[in-house]
């Protein structure tokens, strides 16, 4: 099984869904006069740290793939690949979510509440954009060279060697002939009669 790169369409769909969701929550917050917009600063910091952590882990997988690192649990490599994919797509959706809130808040920039929301959402959007890039780069860093399976070019070349196959066929025929001779020698012989 081969892991495929996340298509650009997935990022775009997540971004559009985030834009729709963020715009909807902004309009709902404005119509009901509730505090639904904005993002705590802690969320932006945690998203940034999550992106850095995943990039560091992806770099470790890349070092293993290049041969600079001797051992690695392959489950770790797969998990880092999955986290990189999830980070990229989730942060694309959050980029749309926070970006739409920032755009809607710009129309009301004179009010202190909307100024604060706009600042929070712009910072969160920037962090999410960085994390989308970090997810895509992490996914690229997690590419392992194929060791086994049909993707391995060395194995494919070895299976296409006609001379080796012919030699193996001759060896098998000789082995069968030797085995049948040994089997014939081991047949029970009739015992001589004492008359």
Protein backbone atom coordinates (compact mmCIF):
# COMPACT_ATOMS: atom_id res chain seq x y z
CA UNK A 1 0.00 0.00 0.00
CA UNK A 2 1.27 3.46 -0.86
CA UNK A 3 0.52 6.60 1.08
CA UNK A 4 -0.49 9.38 -1.28
CA UNK A 5 0.07 13.08 -0.88
CA UNK A 6 -2.94 15.08 0.23
CA UNK A 7 -4.42 16.64 -2.92
CA UNK A 8 -4.65 20.42 -3.09
CA UNK A 9 -8.42 20.06 -3.52
CA UNK A 10 -8.73 18.78 0.06
CA UNK A 11 -7.08 21.93 1.36
CA UNK A 12 -9.33 24.13 -0.77
CA UNK A 13 -12.51 22.33 0.31
CA UNK A 14 -11.50 22.65 3.97
CA UNK A 15 -10.75 26.34 3.45
CA UNK A 16 -14.12 26.99 1.81
CA UNK A 17 -16.00 25.08 4.51
CA UNK A 18 -14.12 27.07 7.14
CA UNK A 19 -15.01 30.33 5.39
CA UNK A 20 -18.69 29.39 5.33
CA UNK A 21 -18.67 28.29 8.97
CA UNK A 22 -16.79 31.35 10.21
CA UNK A 23 -19.04 33.72 8.28
CA UNK A 24 -22.12 31.95 9.63
CA UNK A 25 -20.94 32.12 13.24
CA UNK A 26 -20.03 35.81 12.79
CA UNK A 27 -23.46 36.66 11.43
CA UNK A 28 -25.12 34.67 14.21
CA UNK A 29 -23.02 36.45 16.84
CA UNK A 30 -23.84 39.87 15.41
CA UNK A 31 -27.56 39.18 15.12
CA UNK A 32 -27.93 37.77 18.64
CA UNK A 33 -25.35 40.13 20.19
CA UNK A 34 -23.42 37.23 21.75
CA UNK A 35 -19.66 36.84 21.97
CA UNK A 36 -19.10 34.06 19.44
CA UNK A 37 -16.32 35.65 17.43
CA UNK A 38 -12.60 35.74 18.06
CA UNK A 39 -10.08 33.28 19.34
CA UNK A 40 -8.14 33.18 22.61
CA UNK A 41 -4.44 33.97 22.25
CA UNK A 42 -3.61 30.63 23.84
CA UNK A 43 -5.13 28.81 20.86
CA UNK A 44 -2.80 30.59 18.44
CA UNK A 45 0.22 29.76 20.60
CA UNK A 46 -0.80 26.10 20.92
CA UNK A 47 -1.43 25.77 17.18
CA UNK A 48 2.00 27.21 16.46
CA UNK A 49 3.69 24.85 18.94
CA UNK A 50 1.79 21.90 17.48
CA UNK A 51 3.05 22.76 14.00
CA UNK A 52 6.64 23.06 15.23
CA UNK A 53 6.40 19.73 17.10
CA UNK A 54 5.06 17.90 14.03
CA UNK A 55 7.80 19.40 11.85
CA UNK A 56 10.47 18.25 14.31
CA UNK A 57 9.05 14.72 14.32
CA UNK A 58 8.79 14.71 10.51
CA UNK A 59 12.43 15.78 10.30
CA UNK A 60 13.36 12.75 12.45
CA UNK A 61 11.51 10.48 10.01
CA UNK A 62 13.32 12.17 7.13
CA UNK A 63 16.69 11.57 8.82
CA UNK A 64 15.77 7.87 9.10
CA UNK A 65 14.76 7.73 5.43
CA UNK A 66 18.10 9.28 4.38
CA UNK A 67 20.02 6.83 6.54
CA UNK A 68 21.31 9.34 9.09
CA UNK A 69 19.38 7.63 11.86
CA UNK A 70 19.83 3.90 12.43
CA UNK A 71 16.56 2.80 14.00
CA UNK A 72 12.99 4.01 14.13
CA UNK A 73 9.67 2.52 15.06
CA UNK A 74 7.73 2.42 11.80
CA UNK A 75 4.49 3.08 13.66
CA UNK A 76 6.02 6.39 14.72
CA UNK A 77 6.74 7.25 11.08
CA UNK A 78 3.18 6.41 10.04
CA UNK A 79 1.72 8.38 12.94
CA UNK A 80 3.80 11.43 12.06
CA UNK A 81 2.59 11.18 8.46
CA UNK A 82 -1.03 11.01 9.65
CA UNK A 83 -0.52 13.96 12.00
CA UNK A 84 1.05 16.00 9.20
CA UNK A 85 -1.92 15.33 6.93
CA UNK A 86 -4.39 16.15 9.70
CA UNK A 87 -2.54 19.33 10.65
CA UNK A 88 -2.60 20.60 7.07
CA UNK A 89 -6.29 19.95 6.42
CA UNK A 90 -7.52 21.04 9.86
CA UNK A 91 -5.54 24.26 9.78
CA UNK A 92 -6.84 24.99 6.27
CA UNK A 93 -10.37 24.82 7.71
CA UNK A 94 -9.35 26.99 10.66
CA UNK A 95 -7.69 29.44 8.29
CA UNK A 96 -11.03 29.89 6.57
CA UNK A 97 -12.87 30.08 9.91
CA UNK A 98 -10.67 32.77 11.44
CA UNK A 99 -10.06 34.54 8.14
CA UNK A 100 -13.76 35.06 7.51
CA UNK A 101 -14.23 36.40 11.03
CA UNK A 102 -11.33 38.82 10.52
CA UNK A 103 -12.79 40.03 7.22
CA UNK A 104 -16.24 40.57 8.71
CA UNK A 105 -14.72 42.38 11.71
CA UNK A 106 -12.86 44.79 9.43
CA UNK A 107 -16.19 46.32 8.47
CA UNK A 108 -16.74 47.30 12.12
CA UNK A 109 -13.16 48.24 13.00
CA UNK A 110 -14.29 51.41 14.82
CA UNK A 111 -15.72 49.40 17.73
CA UNK A 112 -13.18 48.14 20.29
CA UNK A 113 -14.76 44.65 20.41
CA UNK A 114 -14.40 44.15 16.65
CA UNK A 115 -10.87 45.57 16.68
CA UNK A 116 -9.88 42.95 19.26
CA UNK A 117 -11.63 40.18 17.29
CA UNK A 118 -9.92 41.31 14.09
CA UNK A 119 -6.47 41.25 15.72
CA UNK A 120 -7.04 37.83 17.30
CA UNK A 121 -8.35 36.34 14.08
CA UNK A 122 -5.61 37.81 11.91
CA UNK A 123 -2.92 36.33 14.17
CA UNK A 124 -4.75 32.99 14.29
CA UNK A 125 -5.10 33.05 10.48
CA UNK A 126 -1.38 33.65 10.08
CA UNK A 127 -0.58 30.78 12.47
CA UNK A 128 -3.00 28.50 10.60
CA UNK A 129 -1.37 29.41 7.28
CA UNK A 130 2.03 28.54 8.77
CA UNK A 131 0.59 25.24 10.02
CA UNK A 132 -0.88 24.37 6.60
CA UNK A 133 2.60 24.80 5.13
CA UNK A 134 4.10 22.86 8.06
CA UNK A 135 1.64 20.01 7.45
CA UNK A 136 2.48 19.84 3.74
CA UNK A 137 6.23 19.99 4.41
CA UNK A 138 5.89 17.37 7.17
CA UNK A 139 4.03 15.12 4.77
CA UNK A 140 6.84 15.50 2.23
CA UNK A 141 9.50 14.80 4.88
CA UNK A 142 7.75 11.55 5.86
CA UNK A 143 8.25 9.95 2.46
CA UNK A 144 10.14 6.70 2.94
CA UNK A 145 11.97 4.97 0.12
CA UNK A 146 10.19 1.73 -0.79
CA UNK A 147 12.01 -1.23 0.73
CA UNK A 148 9.55 -3.99 -0.01
CA UNK A 149 6.62 -4.58 -2.23
CA UNK A 150 5.99 -3.89 -5.87
CA UNK A 151 7.23 -0.28 -5.60
CA UNK A 152 10.82 -1.42 -5.05
CA UNK A 153 12.68 -1.02 -8.35
CA UNK A 154 15.47 -3.43 -7.32
CA UNK A 155 12.98 -6.19 -6.60
CA UNK A 156 11.23 -5.54 -9.91
CA UNK A 157 14.54 -5.78 -11.79
CA UNK A 158 15.47 -8.99 -9.98
CA UNK A 159 12.19 -10.61 -10.93
CA UNK A 160 12.79 -9.75 -14.61
CA UNK A 161 16.11 -11.61 -14.95
CA UNK A 162 15.52 -14.36 -17.55
CA UNK A 163 18.96 -15.95 -17.08
CA UNK A 164 18.45 -16.40 -13.36
CA UNK A 165 15.02 -17.94 -13.97
CA UNK A 166 16.44 -20.34 -16.54
CA UNK A 167 19.23 -21.38 -14.17
CA UNK A 168 16.70 -21.95 -11.39
CA UNK A 169 14.61 -24.16 -13.71
CA UNK A 170 17.65 -26.31 -14.59
CA UNK A 171 18.56 -26.65 -10.89
CA UNK A 172 15.02 -27.72 -10.03
CA UNK A 173 15.02 -30.37 -12.77
CA UNK A 174 18.37 -31.75 -11.57
CA UNK A 175 17.08 -31.86 -8.01
CA UNK A 176 13.99 -33.79 -9.11
CA UNK A 177 16.11 -36.25 -11.08
CA UNK A 178 18.40 -36.84 -8.08
CA UNK A 179 15.44 -37.31 -5.79
CA UNK A 180 13.83 -39.89 -8.10
CA UNK A 181 17.11 -41.84 -8.34
CA UNK A 182 17.46 -41.88 -4.55
CA UNK A 183 13.86 -42.98 -4.23
CA UNK A 184 14.45 -45.83 -6.70
CA UNK A 185 17.52 -46.98 -4.74
CA UNK A 186 15.54 -47.10 -1.51
CA UNK A 187 12.80 -49.44 -2.76
CA UNK A 188 12.56 -52.63 -0.76
CA UNK A 189 14.19 -55.56 -2.54
CA UNK A 190 12.71 -58.97 -2.41
CA UNK A 191 14.53 -61.19 0.02
CA UNK A 192 16.19 -64.34 -1.38
CA UNK A 193 14.26 -67.53 -0.60
CA UNK A 194 15.82 -70.35 1.20
CA UNK A 195 14.73 -73.42 -0.61
